PDB file of N, CA and C in Angstrom:
ATOM      1  N   MET A   1      88.049 111.924 116.969  1.00  0.00           N
ATOM      2  CA  MET A   1      88.207 110.501 117.325  1.00  0.00           C
ATOM      3  C   MET A   1      87.094 110.043 118.217  1.00  0.00           C
ATOM      4  N   SER A   2      86.579 108.784 117.998  1.00  0.00           N
ATOM      5  CA  SER A   2      85.438 108.260 118.606  1.00  0.00           C
ATOM      6  C   SER A   2      85.916 107.929 120.080  1.00  0.00           C
ATOM      7  N   GLU A   3      85.062 107.806 121.065  1.00  0.00           N
ATOM      8  CA  GLU A   3      85.359 107.309 122.432  1.00  0.00           C
ATOM      9  C   GLU A   3      86.094 106.033 122.416  1.00  0.00           C
ATOM     10  N   THR A   4      85.512 105.122 121.589  1.00  0.00           N
ATOM     11  CA  THR A   4      86.155 103.821 121.644  1.00  0.00           C
ATOM     12  C   THR A   4      87.490 103.825 121.103  1.00  0.00           C
ATOM     13  N   LYS A   5      87.661 104.428 119.927  1.00  0.00           N
ATOM     14  CA  LYS A   5      88.931 104.601 119.265  1.00  0.00           C
ATOM     15  C   LYS A   5      89.885 105.276 120.299  1.00  0.00           C
ATOM     16  N   SER A   6      89.565 106.283 121.036  1.00  0.00           N
ATOM     17  CA  SER A   6      90.300 107.019 121.903  1.00  0.00           C
ATOM     18  C   SER A   6      90.725 106.111 123.114  1.00  0.00           C
ATOM     19  N   THR A   7      89.901 105.328 123.635  1.00  0.00           N
ATOM     20  CA  THR A   7      90.095 104.319 124.791  1.00  0.00           C
ATOM     21  C   THR A   7      91.140 103.385 124.294  1.00  0.00           C
ATOM     22  N   TRP A   8      90.969 102.672 123.069  1.00  0.00           N
ATOM     23  CA  TRP A   8      91.922 101.796 122.722  1.00  0.00           C
ATOM     24  C   TRP A   8      93.274 102.394 122.225  1.00  0.00           C
ATOM     25  N   SER A   9      93.322 103.653 121.900  1.00  0.00           N
ATOM     26  CA  SER A   9      94.575 104.185 121.559  1.00  0.00           C
ATOM     27  C   SER A   9      95.269 104.313 122.751  1.00  0.00           C
ATOM     28  N   ARG A  10      94.648 104.802 123.924  1.00  0.00           N
ATOM     29  CA  ARG A  10      95.315 104.874 125.112  1.00  0.00           C
ATOM     30  C   ARG A  10      95.791 103.571 125.654  1.00  0.00           C
ATOM     31  N   ARG A  11      94.969 102.501 125.612  1.00  0.00           N
ATOM     32  CA  ARG A  11      95.256 101.199 125.948  1.00  0.00           C
ATOM     33  C   ARG A  11      96.545 100.696 125.367  1.00  0.00           C
ATOM     34  N   VAL A  12      96.522 100.813 123.892  1.00  0.00           N
ATOM     35  CA  VAL A  12      97.679 100.423 123.009  1.00  0.00           C
ATOM     36  C   VAL A  12      98.940 101.156 123.492  1.00  0.00           C
ATOM     37  N   ALA A  13      98.920 102.514 123.728  1.00  0.00           N
ATOM     38  CA  ALA A  13     100.006 103.183 124.085  1.00  0.00           C
ATOM     39  C   ALA A  13     100.568 102.765 125.471  1.00  0.00           C
ATOM     40  N   ASN A  14      99.675 102.498 126.400  1.00  0.00           N
ATOM     41  CA  ASN A  14     100.042 102.032 127.658  1.00  0.00           C
ATOM     42  C   ASN A  14     100.654 100.683 127.621  1.00  0.00           C
ATOM     43  N   TRP A  15     100.096  99.746 126.726  1.00  0.00           N
ATOM     44  CA  TRP A  15     100.705  98.441 126.611  1.00  0.00           C
ATOM     45  C   TRP A  15     102.083  98.463 126.040  1.00  0.00           C
ATOM     46  N   ARG A  16     102.293  99.294 124.905  1.00  0.00           N
ATOM     47  CA  ARG A  16     103.599  99.480 124.306  1.00  0.00           C
ATOM     48  C   ARG A  16     104.497  99.906 125.407  1.00  0.00           C
ATOM     49  N   ALA A  17     104.247 100.895 126.253  1.00  0.00           N
ATOM     50  CA  ALA A  17     105.169 101.425 127.254  1.00  0.00           C
ATOM     51  C   ALA A  17     105.279 100.441 128.367  1.00  0.00           C
ATOM     52  N   SER A  18     104.472  99.532 128.654  1.00  0.00           N
ATOM     53  CA  SER A  18     104.553  98.627 129.737  1.00  0.00           C
ATOM     54  C   SER A  18     105.740  97.615 129.648  1.00  0.00           C
ATOM     55  N   GLY A  19     106.011  97.144 128.399  1.00  0.00           N
ATOM     56  CA  GLY A  19     107.024  96.155 128.128  1.00  0.00           C
ATOM     57  C   GLY A  19     106.545  94.767 128.382  1.00  0.00           C
ATOM     58  N   LEU A  20     105.219  94.723 128.699  1.00  0.00           N
ATOM     59  CA  LEU A  20     104.546  93.406 128.793  1.00  0.00           C
ATOM     60  C   LEU A  20     104.047  92.800 127.529  1.00  0.00           C
ATOM     61  N   THR A  21     103.832  91.512 127.565  1.00  0.00           N
ATOM     62  CA  THR A  21     103.249  90.948 126.252  1.00  0.00           C
ATOM     63  C   THR A  21     101.667  91.347 126.100  1.00  0.00           C
ATOM     64  N   ALA A  22     101.219  91.188 125.129  1.00  0.00           N
ATOM     65  CA  ALA A  22      99.713  91.493 125.026  1.00  0.00           C
ATOM     66  C   ALA A  22      98.915  90.596 125.926  1.00  0.00           C
ATOM     67  N   ASP A  23      99.210  89.409 126.025  1.00  0.00           N
ATOM     68  CA  ASP A  23      98.431  88.462 127.054  1.00  0.00           C
ATOM     69  C   ASP A  23      98.607  88.988 128.374  1.00  0.00           C
ATOM     70  N   GLU A  24      99.872  89.288 128.890  1.00  0.00           N
ATOM     71  CA  GLU A  24     100.067  89.845 130.135  1.00  0.00           C
ATOM     72  C   GLU A  24      99.273  91.173 130.559  1.00  0.00           C
ATOM     73  N   PHE A  25      99.436  91.946 129.524  1.00  0.00           N
ATOM     74  CA  PHE A  25      98.829  93.287 129.771  1.00  0.00           C
ATOM     75  C   PHE A  25      97.238  93.248 129.733  1.00  0.00           C
ATOM     76  N   ALA A  26      96.730  92.438 128.856  1.00  0.00           N
ATOM     77  CA  ALA A  26      95.287  92.210 128.624  1.00  0.00           C
ATOM     78  C   ALA A  26      94.665  91.535 129.907  1.00  0.00           C
ATOM     79  N   ALA A  27      95.398  90.542 130.370  1.00  0.00           N
ATOM     80  CA  ALA A  27      94.939  89.858 131.646  1.00  0.00           C
ATOM     81  C   ALA A  27      95.001  90.931 132.935  1.00  0.00           C
ATOM     82  N   GLU A  28      95.985  91.747 133.005  1.00  0.00           N
ATOM     83  CA  GLU A  28      96.096  92.726 134.028  1.00  0.00           C
ATOM     84  C   GLU A  28      94.820  93.663 134.001  1.00  0.00           C
ATOM     85  N   HIS A  29      94.454  94.010 132.903  1.00  0.00           N
ATOM     86  CA  HIS A  29      93.540  95.124 132.655  1.00  0.00           C
ATOM     87  C   HIS A  29      92.087  94.636 132.288  1.00  0.00           C
ATOM     88  N   GLY A  30      91.845  93.452 132.190  1.00  0.00           N
ATOM     89  CA  GLY A  30      90.526  92.834 132.081  1.00  0.00           C
ATOM     90  C   GLY A  30      89.906  92.919 130.686  1.00  0.00           C
ATOM     91  N   PHE A  31      90.756  92.779 129.645  1.00  0.00           N
ATOM     92  CA  PHE A  31      90.180  92.717 128.301  1.00  0.00           C
ATOM     93  C   PHE A  31      90.921  91.606 127.496  1.00  0.00           C
ATOM     94  N   ARG A  32      90.546  91.236 126.442  1.00  0.00           N
ATOM     95  CA  ARG A  32      91.256  90.243 125.511  1.00  0.00           C
ATOM     96  C   ARG A  32      92.347  90.721 124.832  1.00  0.00           C
ATOM     97  N   ALA A  33      93.495  89.853 124.869  1.00  0.00           N
ATOM     98  CA  ALA A  33      94.711  90.002 124.126  1.00  0.00           C
ATOM     99  C   ALA A  33      94.497  90.170 122.621  1.00  0.00           C
ATOM    100  N   PRO A  34      93.674  89.311 122.039  1.00  0.00           N
ATOM    101  CA  PRO A  34      93.345  89.364 120.525  1.00  0.00           C
ATOM    102  C   PRO A  34      92.799  90.814 120.141  1.00  0.00           C
ATOM    103  N   THR A  35      91.970  91.356 120.986  1.00  0.00           N
ATOM    104  CA  THR A  35      91.390  92.632 120.830  1.00  0.00           C
ATOM    105  C   THR A  35      92.340  93.701 120.815  1.00  0.00           C
ATOM    106  N   LEU A  36      93.298  93.736 121.865  1.00  0.00           N
ATOM    107  CA  LEU A  36      94.355  94.575 121.934  1.00  0.00           C
ATOM    108  C   LEU A  36      95.332  94.567 120.745  1.00  0.00           C
ATOM    109  N   ARG A  37      95.609  93.310 120.347  1.00  0.00           N
ATOM    110  CA  ARG A  37      96.444  93.256 119.142  1.00  0.00           C
ATOM    111  C   ARG A  37      95.757  93.803 117.948  1.00  0.00           C
ATOM    112  N   TRP A  38      94.475  93.619 117.633  1.00  0.00           N
ATOM    113  CA  TRP A  38      93.607  94.121 116.507  1.00  0.00           C
ATOM    114  C   TRP A  38      93.730  95.656 116.492  1.00  0.00           C
ATOM    115  N   TRP A  39      93.394  96.183 117.780  1.00  0.00           N
ATOM    116  CA  TRP A  39      93.458  97.640 117.848  1.00  0.00           C
ATOM    117  C   TRP A  39      94.840  98.129 117.665  1.00  0.00           C
ATOM    118  N   ALA A  40      95.906  97.526 117.963  1.00  0.00           N
ATOM    119  CA  ALA A  40      97.153  98.078 117.737  1.00  0.00           C
ATOM    120  C   ALA A  40      97.476  97.981 116.313  1.00  0.00           C
ATOM    121  N   SER A  41      97.022  96.929 115.583  1.00  0.00           N
ATOM    122  CA  SER A  41      97.307  96.919 114.190  1.00  0.00           C
ATOM    123  C   SER A  41      96.436  97.829 113.507  1.00  0.00           C
ATOM    124  N   ARG A  42      95.271  98.108 113.765  1.00  0.00           N
ATOM    125  CA  ARG A  42      94.400  99.075 113.231  1.00  0.00           C
ATOM    126  C   ARG A  42      94.930 100.459 113.312  1.00  0.00           C
ATOM    127  N   LEU A  43      95.310 100.754 114.489  1.00  0.00           N
ATOM    128  CA  LEU A  43      95.872 102.286 114.740  1.00  0.00           C
ATOM    129  C   LEU A  43      97.243 102.388 113.940  1.00  0.00           C
ATOM    130  N   LYS A  44      98.087 101.393 113.932  1.00  0.00           N
ATOM    131  CA  LYS A  44      99.236 101.488 113.173  1.00  0.00           C
ATOM    132  C   LYS A  44      99.001 101.698 111.613  1.00  0.00           C
ATOM    133  N   ARG A  45      98.136 100.953 111.053  1.00  0.00           N
ATOM    134  CA  ARG A  45      97.681 100.997 109.699  1.00  0.00           C
ATOM    135  C   ARG A  45      97.226 102.552 109.442  1.00  0.00           C
ATOM    136  N   GLU A  46      96.298 103.045 110.217  1.00  0.00           N
ATOM    137  CA  GLU A  46      95.830 104.352 109.978  1.00  0.00           C
ATOM    138  C   GLU A  46      97.003 105.407 110.206  1.00  0.00           C
ATOM    139  N   GLU A  47      97.953 105.249 111.076  1.00  0.00           N
ATOM    140  CA  GLU A  47      99.051 106.107 111.211  1.00  0.00           C
ATOM    141  C   GLU A  47      99.885 106.094 109.979  1.00  0.00           C
ATOM    142  N   MET A  48     100.190 104.924 109.408  1.00  0.00           N
ATOM    143  CA  MET A  48     100.955 104.779 108.221  1.00  0.00           C
ATOM    144  C   MET A  48     100.329 105.525 107.107  1.00  0.00           C
ATOM    145  N   ARG A  49      98.999 105.353 107.027  1.00  0.00           N
ATOM    146  CA  ARG A  49      98.089 105.900 105.795  1.00  0.00           C
ATOM    147  C   ARG A  49      98.259 107.377 105.993  1.00  0.00           C
ATOM    148  N   GLN A  50      98.130 107.958 107.063  1.00  0.00           N
ATOM    149  CA  GLN A  50      98.270 109.386 107.281  1.00  0.00           C
ATOM    150  C   GLN A  50      99.664 109.966 106.993  1.00  0.00           C
ATOM    151  N   ALA A  51     100.610 109.051 107.387  1.00  0.00           N
ATOM    152  CA  ALA A  51     102.001 109.646 107.118  1.00  0.00           C
ATOM    153  C   ALA A  51     102.291 109.522 105.590  1.00  0.00           C
ATOM    154  N   ALA A  52     101.720 108.513 104.913  1.00  0.00           N
ATOM    155  CA  ALA A  52     101.936 108.360 103.475  1.00  0.00           C
ATOM    156  C   ALA A  52     101.302 109.549 102.779  1.00  0.00           C
ATOM    157  N   ALA A  53     100.150 110.097 103.281  1.00  0.00           N
ATOM    158  CA  ALA A  53      99.506 111.169 102.602  1.00  0.00           C
ATOM    159  C   ALA A  53     100.391 112.510 102.688  1.00  0.00           C
ATOM    160  N   LEU A  54     101.266 112.514 103.755  1.00  0.00           N
ATOM    161  CA  LEU A  54     102.006 113.734 103.869  1.00  0.00           C
ATOM    162  C   LEU A  54     103.404 113.676 102.944  1.00  0.00           C
ATOM    163  N   VAL A  55     103.704 112.516 102.498  1.00  0.00           N
ATOM    164  CA  VAL A  55     104.905 112.493 101.687  1.00  0.00           C
ATOM    165  C   VAL A  55     104.784 113.068 100.202  1.00  0.00           C
ATOM    166  N   PRO A  56     105.429 114.056  99.920  1.00  0.00           N
ATOM    167  CA  PRO A  56     105.454 114.468  98.563  1.00  0.00           C
ATOM    168  C   PRO A  56     106.093 113.489  97.609  1.00  0.00           C
ATOM    169  N   LEU A  57     105.389 113.234  96.526  1.00  0.00           N
ATOM    170  CA  LEU A  57     106.071 112.435  95.405  1.00  0.00           C
ATOM    171  C   LEU A  57     106.544 113.224  94.337  1.00  0.00           C
ATOM    172  N   ALA A  58     107.495 112.654  93.855  1.00  0.00           N
ATOM    173  CA  ALA A  58     108.174 113.339  92.519  1.00  0.00           C
ATOM    174  C   ALA A  58     108.125 112.413  91.345  1.00  0.00           C
ATOM    175  N   ARG A  59     107.841 112.937  90.188  1.00  0.00           N
ATOM    176  CA  ARG A  59     107.801 112.008  88.950  1.00  0.00           C
ATOM    177  C   ARG A  59     109.179 112.186  88.419  1.00  0.00           C
ATOM    178  N   VAL A  60     109.827 111.072  88.183  1.00  0.00           N
ATOM    179  CA  VAL A  60     111.125 110.939  87.644  1.00  0.00           C
ATOM    180  C   VAL A  60     111.057 110.750  86.091  1.00  0.00           C
ATOM    181  N   ILE A  61     111.805 111.734  85.569  1.00  0.00           N
ATOM    182  CA  ILE A  61     111.766 111.664  83.942  1.00  0.00           C
ATOM    183  C   ILE A  61     113.334 111.408  83.490  1.00  0.00           C
ATOM    184  N   ARG A  62     113.586 110.415  82.835  1.00  0.00           N
ATOM    185  CA  ARG A  62     114.890 110.231  82.321  1.00  0.00           C
ATOM    186  C   ARG A  62     114.760 110.829  80.933  1.00  0.00           C
ATOM    187  N   SER A  63     115.827 111.580  80.549  1.00  0.00           N
ATOM    188  CA  SER A  63     115.856 112.054  79.172  1.00  0.00           C
ATOM    189  C   SER A  63     117.375 112.199  78.774  1.00  0.00           C
ATOM    190  N   PRO A  64     117.633 111.997  77.519  1.00  0.00           N
ATOM    191  CA  PRO A  64     119.009 112.094  77.044  1.00  0.00           C
ATOM    192  C   PRO A  64     119.294 113.587  76.789  1.00  0.00           C
ATOM    193  N   ALA A  65     119.064 114.383  77.645  1.00  0.00           N
ATOM    194  CA  ALA A  65     119.429 115.882  77.697  1.00  0.00           C
ATOM    195  C   ALA A  65     120.885 116.108  77.441  1.00  0.00           C
ATOM    196  N   GLN A  66     121.232 117.290  77.568  1.00  0.00           N
ATOM    197  CA  GLN A  66     122.578 117.675  77.515  1.00  0.00           C
ATOM    198  C   GLN A  66     123.342 116.962  78.578  1.00  0.00           C
ATOM    199  N   PRO A  67     124.601 116.570  78.301  1.00  0.00           N
ATOM    200  CA  PRO A  67     125.471 115.849  79.342  1.00  0.00           C
ATOM    201  C   PRO A  67     125.780 116.800  80.449  1.00  0.00           C
ATOM    202  N   VAL A  68     125.728 116.332  81.593  1.00  0.00           N
ATOM    203  CA  VAL A  68     126.028 117.097  82.942  1.00  0.00           C
ATOM    204  C   VAL A  68     127.103 116.536  83.540  1.00  0.00           C
ATOM    205  N   SER A  69     128.188 117.171  84.150  1.00  0.00           N
ATOM    206  CA  SER A  69     129.246 116.715  84.803  1.00  0.00           C
ATOM    207  C   SER A  69     128.810 116.029  86.122  1.00  0.00           C
ATOM    208  N   ARG A  70     129.565 115.174  86.674  1.00  0.00           N
ATOM    209  CA  ARG A  70     129.401 114.390  87.808  1.00  0.00           C
ATOM    210  C   ARG A  70     129.255 115.433  89.031  1.00  0.00           C
ATOM    211  N   GLY A  71     128.284 115.144  89.806  1.00  0.00           N
ATOM    212  CA  GLY A  71     128.052 115.978  91.118  1.00  0.00           C
ATOM    213  C   GLY A  71     127.272 117.254  90.870  1.00  0.00           C
ATOM    214  N   THR A  72     126.581 117.355  89.575  1.00  0.00           N
ATOM    215  CA  THR A  72     125.842 118.540  89.115  1.00  0.00           C
ATOM    216  C   THR A  72     124.379 118.302  89.501  1.00  0.00           C
ATOM    217  N   VAL A  73     123.757 119.428  89.951  1.00  0.00           N
ATOM    218  CA  VAL A  73     122.213 119.357  90.049  1.00  0.00           C
ATOM    219  C   VAL A  73     121.613 120.422  89.274  1.00  0.00           C
ATOM    220  N   VAL A  74     120.616 120.129  88.324  1.00  0.00           N
ATOM    221  CA  VAL A  74     120.066 121.017  87.349  1.00  0.00           C
ATOM    222  C   VAL A  74     118.579 121.097  87.863  1.00  0.00           C
ATOM    223  N   ILE A  75     118.076 122.309  87.811  1.00  0.00           N
ATOM    224  CA  ILE A  75     116.670 122.624  88.218  1.00  0.00           C
ATOM    225  C   ILE A  75     116.174 123.319  87.144  1.00  0.00           C
ATOM    226  N   ASP A  76     115.019 122.851  86.410  1.00  0.00           N
ATOM    227  CA  ASP A  76     114.353 123.471  85.467  1.00  0.00           C
ATOM    228  C   ASP A  76     112.840 123.927  86.148  1.00  0.00           C
ATOM    229  N   ALA A  77     112.586 125.185  85.987  1.00  0.00           N
ATOM    230  CA  ALA A  77     111.225 125.613  86.461  1.00  0.00           C
ATOM    231  C   ALA A  77     110.321 125.499  85.365  1.00  0.00           C
ATOM    232  N   LEU A  78     109.305 124.610  85.594  1.00  0.00           N
ATOM    233  CA  LEU A  78     108.325 124.384  84.538  1.00  0.00           C
ATOM    234  C   LEU A  78     106.836 124.714  85.025  1.00  0.00           C
ATOM    235  N   ASP A  79     106.256 125.784  84.494  1.00  0.00           N
ATOM    236  CA  ASP A  79     104.935 126.188  84.918  1.00  0.00           C
ATOM    237  C   ASP A  79     104.713 126.082  86.518  1.00  0.00           C
ATOM    238  N   LEU A  80     105.579 126.747  87.194  1.00  0.00           N
ATOM    239  CA  LEU A  80     105.481 126.819  88.706  1.00  0.00           C
ATOM    240  C   LEU A  80     105.805 125.431  89.339  1.00  0.00           C
ATOM    241  N   ARG A  81     106.314 124.555  88.547  1.00  0.00           N
ATOM    242  CA  ARG A  81     106.758 123.319  89.090  1.00  0.00           C
ATOM    243  C   ARG A  81     108.377 123.275  88.877  1.00  0.00           C
ATOM    244  N   ALA A  82     108.823 122.416  89.382  1.00  0.00           N
ATOM    245  CA  ALA A  82     110.315 122.189  89.230  1.00  0.00           C
ATOM    246  C   ALA A  82     110.667 120.892  88.848  1.00  0.00           C
ATOM    247  N   ARG A  83     111.654 120.771  87.982  1.00  0.00           N
ATOM    248  CA  ARG A  83     112.381 119.456  87.611  1.00  0.00           C
ATOM    249  C   ARG A  83     113.713 119.485  88.164  1.00  0.00           C
ATOM    250  N   VAL A  84     114.079 118.456  89.006  1.00  0.00           N
ATOM    251  CA  VAL A  84     115.442 118.376  89.517  1.00  0.00           C
ATOM    252  C   VAL A  84     116.158 117.269  88.750  1.00  0.00           C
ATOM    253  N   THR A  85     117.296 117.482  88.317  1.00  0.00           N
ATOM    254  CA  THR A  85     118.087 116.409  87.720  1.00  0.00           C
ATOM    255  C   THR A  85     119.224 116.254  88.609  1.00  0.00           C
ATOM    256  N   VAL A  86     119.503 115.135  89.046  1.00  0.00           N
ATOM    257  CA  VAL A  86     120.473 114.778  90.060  1.00  0.00           C
ATOM    258  C   VAL A  86     121.321 113.554  89.362  1.00  0.00           C
ATOM    259  N   GLU A  87     122.642 114.013  89.111  1.00  0.00           N
ATOM    260  CA  GLU A  87     123.613 112.990  88.525  1.00  0.00           C
ATOM    261  C   GLU A  87     124.326 112.230  89.505  1.00  0.00           C
ATOM    262  N   THR A  88     124.890 111.189  89.354  1.00  0.00           N
ATOM    263  CA  THR A  88     125.651 110.425  90.238  1.00  0.00           C
ATOM    264  C   THR A  88     126.760 111.302  90.879  1.00  0.00           C
ATOM    265  N   GLY A  89     126.880 111.224  92.195  1.00  0.00           N
ATOM    266  CA  GLY A  89     127.975 111.956  92.966  1.00  0.00           C
ATOM    267  C   GLY A  89     127.536 113.059  93.547  1.00  0.00           C
ATOM    268  N   VAL A  90     126.235 113.489  93.527  1.00  0.00           N
ATOM    269  CA  VAL A  90     125.813 114.599  94.264  1.00  0.00           C
ATOM    270  C   VAL A  90     125.810 114.346  95.859  1.00  0.00           C
ATOM    271  N   GLU A  91     126.270 115.228  96.445  1.00  0.00           N
ATOM    272  CA  GLU A  91     126.277 115.094  97.946  1.00  0.00           C
ATOM    273  C   GLU A  91     124.932 115.346  98.685  1.00  0.00           C
ATOM    274  N   ARG A  92     124.720 114.702  99.619  1.00  0.00           N
ATOM    275  CA  ARG A  92     123.412 114.828 100.364  1.00  0.00           C
ATOM    276  C   ARG A  92     123.137 116.188 100.782  1.00  0.00           C
ATOM    277  N   GLU A  93     124.227 116.868 101.289  1.00  0.00           N
ATOM    278  CA  GLU A  93     124.061 118.241 101.791  1.00  0.00           C
ATOM    279  C   GLU A  93     123.517 119.106 100.665  1.00  0.00           C
ATOM    280  N   THR A  94     124.048 118.829  99.480  1.00  0.00           N
ATOM    281  CA  THR A  94     123.639 119.647  98.255  1.00  0.00           C
ATOM    282  C   THR A  94     122.125 119.299  97.981  1.00  0.00           C
ATOM    283  N   LEU A  95     121.660 118.072  97.944  1.00  0.00           N
ATOM    284  CA  LEU A  95     120.268 117.773  97.883  1.00  0.00           C
ATOM    285  C   LEU A  95     119.432 118.343  98.833  1.00  0.00           C
ATOM    286  N   ASP A  96     119.841 118.384 100.069  1.00  0.00           N
ATOM    287  CA  ASP A  96     119.098 118.973 101.209  1.00  0.00           C
ATOM    288  C   ASP A  96     118.894 120.490 100.978  1.00  0.00           C
ATOM    289  N   ALA A  97     119.895 121.107 100.427  1.00  0.00           N
ATOM    290  CA  ALA A  97     119.758 122.539 100.182  1.00  0.00           C
ATOM    291  C   ALA A  97     118.848 122.776  98.962  1.00  0.00           C
ATOM    292  N   VAL A  98     118.884 122.048  97.954  1.00  0.00           N
ATOM    293  CA  VAL A  98     118.083 122.160  96.771  1.00  0.00           C
ATOM    294  C   VAL A  98     116.638 121.906  97.214  1.00  0.00           C
ATOM    295  N   PHE A  99     116.393 120.831  97.796  1.00  0.00           N
ATOM    296  CA  PHE A  99     114.947 120.521  98.182  1.00  0.00           C
ATOM    297  C   PHE A  99     114.466 121.503  99.312  1.00  0.00           C
ATOM    298  N   GLY A 100     115.366 121.952 100.099  1.00  0.00           N
ATOM    299  CA  GLY A 100     114.921 122.966 101.078  1.00  0.00           C
ATOM    300  C   GLY A 100     114.550 124.332 100.384  1.00  0.00           C
ATOM    301  N   ALA A 101     115.333 124.723  99.400  1.00  0.00           N
ATOM    302  CA  ALA A 101     114.970 125.919  98.665  1.00  0.00           C
ATOM    303  C   ALA A 101     113.591 125.762  97.947  1.00  0.00           C
ATOM    304  N   LEU A 102     113.355 124.533  97.465  1.00  0.00           N
ATOM    305  CA  LEU A 102     112.042 124.453  96.685  1.00  0.00           C
ATOM    306  C   LEU A 102     110.974 124.116  97.730  1.00  0.00           C
ATOM    307  N   GLY A 103     111.134 123.892  99.118  1.00  0.00           N
ATOM    308  CA  GLY A 103     110.245 123.791  99.976  1.00  0.00           C
ATOM    309  C   GLY A 103     109.497 122.429  99.861  1.00  0.00           C
ATOM    310  N   ILE A 104     110.242 121.311  99.538  1.00  0.00           N
ATOM    311  CA  ILE A 104     109.642 120.039  99.423  1.00  0.00           C
ATOM    312  C   ILE A 104     110.379 118.997 100.403  1.00  0.00           C
ATOM    313  N   GLY A 105     111.020 119.494 101.361  1.00  0.00           N
ATOM    314  CA  GLY A 105     111.621 118.600 102.413  1.00  0.00           C
ATOM    315  C   GLY A 105     113.035 118.189 101.953  1.00  0.00           C
ATOM    316  N   GLY A 106     113.673 117.227 102.708  1.00  0.00           N
ATOM    317  CA  GLY A 106     115.003 116.927 102.457  1.00  0.00           C
ATOM    318  C   GLY A 106     115.095 115.847 101.619  1.00  0.00           C
ATOM    319  N   ALA A 107     116.385 115.501 101.331  1.00  0.00           N
ATOM    320  CA  ALA A 107     116.870 114.359 100.495  1.00  0.00           C
ATOM    321  C   ALA A 107     116.488 113.081 101.289  1.00  0.00           C
ATOM    322  N   ARG A 108     116.251 112.006 100.595  1.00  0.00           N
ATOM    323  CA  ARG A 108     115.811 110.692 101.108  1.00  0.00           C
ATOM    324  C   ARG A 108     116.834 109.839 100.743  1.00  0.00           C
TER     325      ARG A 108
END
C-alpha cells in the first residue's frame, strides 16, 4: 500500500470511528471534506472488489433429470468438480454440511 493510500485509509477509519460528519472531521484535521469522502468511496470500492474476488461462484444447471423427493440433496462428482442439486425444502443446516464437505463455504 502506498504511503498516501495508507494515510488516507487511517484518516477514513478515524473519521468513521469519530461519529463526526465529513465536514466536521476534515475541519478539525486540516484537510478538505470532499477529499475525505472521495478516499472513503475509493477504499470501499477496492474492499468490495477484493471481497467479490473471494466469493466462489457456482454454475446452475436445470435439467429434467430423475425426479427427486422434497428435501433431497444430490451431489454428482464430475471430473473433480461437483454438481449439487437442491430441491425445495432442503434445510439450511443440510446445505451448510454439504458445502462444508465440499470445501466451498456455507449456504447463502
